[in-house]
Amino acid sequence: MTTPALLPLSGRRIPTLSPGAASFPHHRATLRLSEKFILLLILSAFITLCFGAFFFLPDNSKHKRFDLGLEDVLIPHIEAPKGANGAARRRRPRGRPGGRGAGRSGRLRDKIRVDHERALQEAKEKLRKSRDELRAEIQTEKSKVVEDLKKKKEVPKPLPPVPMPKVVGVNDGDSVEPDVKEKRDKIREMMKHAWDSYRQYGWGHNELKPLAKKGHSTNIFGNSQMGATIVDALDSLYMMGLHDEFKDGQEWIEQNLDFSVNAEVSVFEVNIRFIGGLLATYYLSGQEVFKVKAVQLAEKLLPAFNTPTGIPWAMVNLKSGVGRNWGWASAGSSILAEFGTLHMEFVHLTYLTGNPAYYQKVMHIRKLLAKMDRPNGLYPNYLNPRTGRWGQHHTSVGGLGDSFYEYLLKAWLMSDKTDTEARKTYDDAIEAIERHLIRKSNGGLTFIGEWKNGHLERKMGHLTCFAGGMFALGADGSPDDKAGHYLQLGAEIAHTCHESYDRTVLKLGPEAFKFDSGLEAVAVRQNEKYYILRPEVIETYWYMWRFTHDPKYRQWGWEAAQAIDKYCRVSGGFSGVKDVYSSNPTYDDVQQSFFLAETLKYLYLLFSSDDLMPLESWVFNTEAHPLPVLHLANLTLPGSQAQR
């Protein structure tokens, strides 16, 4: 780069700029140095004059009011001079001639001078300190401010006392069969390895990177460290009798779980993992802290419902309450499985708090959906929260749709089978799904496809495999004496999903698998061959075991447990794998929180007796967090119709 030539201009040397470079304004360049200096002097003199006049000019009424106000603040305890007899002389009324304004002004000037000198002295002392001393001092001040803020926080309003639902089957489940007990103990050991690794390498973070041995998080939790794995795993630890680990988690929640963070989170994920996890742990342990934390978080989610239709946004900022939808969702739509998977937790929130808002929010969603036309009786996966219209006509019992149907059934079960509206909505939806989405492959495998714009895509996702358990769970109470039919349908889905595992090298199922071109229950695309420690297949095995006690479900579950332990276990925890068809797979280096909340819990339950978490008393949310059945025959939820 060439140096600009220096040319004289009015006695000064000004750099000439190359063409295209920014130039100084012309009027600035022509000002002489002496002219600038004179202007600066005039300005300084004017400011000094104004400042001096403020203190030295005769008092006017405004000045006196200001001066006397300062006196009250700065020198409130100056005594009035005493008379010859020792009694204090009466103070003259303020503002009258002959007052002591001049003396007050002098005292005020003296105080300002003293404060100024003190500040200068403190600044000099600071400058003499080393960098480490200054850092330590700053940290001390920060800690003091934080403590002061904590002290100033309002004490949360105590929650109203409500009758605790009957809690049964929390600490039972030991099997009398030695081989079953041995398998159950192995699952507990896997849970301990997953938890201990997280405790050592990712404590306080949302999830764990077991190979890198450090914390991990995704955008569903925003940019905050909310300890998702801790909250998600606590009820599993409690059921498995890992009491020391449970205590560590409880202490972290008591001391560190704070929802007043500037973080944009998924309403759906935070509801099922955090609120569901905290409520379940409260019911299992009876510890109030879990209920209080659940309610604190729930209040932060309510602004997500501030939409023209009452259909909530997918995401909400916990601090500002501002909501929005995922950019990839159809034309700014909300997602069926997200806004349709709130009912269980929100009903319990209303029950525990007496606040009808939670119940009313979810019932409003149900009523709105009931009024809408459904193409072929199917619920599309996308609904615009501004217009109340369906988005893209895509229907799935897997991702984007799955837990909406699950929560219709479970709303009925959780109400002690009194919410007949939920049951009727579920039955109608399943009838349409059977008619349009469920097919048999050429090889005799029953699968659930996806409906896209009038066309059935013959592909089934790992997420869809939960439906086998759902059909079995909903068999009792089916219309037209179809209980046997739906139990059989659940068994067929369980068989298909087991085949998707059995036809891989690792004996772990792919993310999605197809039923065409001669291939059945096999993934075709590379980006569908991964396994990320998902629970849905094992979940169906457990439900089918509970309703049939067919030993093949325990056998299939044990095969999956052995494969996970062999191919997903690493020294720092458990990791997903990128290709289940490869004998030498690479890891994705994520230990998902749902692995501890769901996968290991369902395996543990599979090798436990039916006395542990009996289905007559507990309903599991879609993250496998158990909530007790509410026997509301003689109780009406606040804000609900007296329909029970």
Foldseek 3Di string as FASTA:
>chain_A
DDFFDWDDDPNDTDGDDDPPDDDDPPVVVNDDPVNVVVVVVVVVVVVVVVVVCLLPPDDDPVSQVVLVVVCCVPPVPDAADADPVRHHDDADPGPDPPHDSNVSSVVVVVVVVVVVVVVVVVVVVVVVDDPVVVVVVVVVVVVVVVVVVVVPDDDDDDFDDFDQADDFQQAAFQDPDVVLNVLLVVLVVQLVLQLVLCVQQEPQAQFFLQVVSHHDDDQQWFPGRQPLLLLLQLSVCSSSVVVVSNVVSVVCLVPPHDLQDQGKHFQQVCQQRQLLSLQLNCSSPVDCSSLVSSLLQVVLQVLQLPEPQSQGERIAGSNPSDGFHDPPPFPRWDFQLRSLQRQPSLLVNLSGRVDCPSVVSNVSVVVLVVPDDDVLLEDAGTAHRHPRHGGFRKGDCFPRHVQSLVVLLVVCLLQVNLPVVSVVSSLSNVVSQVVPFWDAFPVGQIAGFMDGPNDTFQKHFPRSLLVLLSLQVSLVPHPPNCSVVSPVVSVRSLVLQQVQQVPAPLSDHWGMAGRDPPDGSYDDDLQGFKDFLDARSLNSLLSNCVRPVPCVSLVSLSSNVVSQCVPQDDSSHGFIWRHRRDPDTDTPSINRSLNSNHRSSSNSSSSTDCSNPPSSFWDARPSRRTDGRDHQPPHDRPPDDPSD
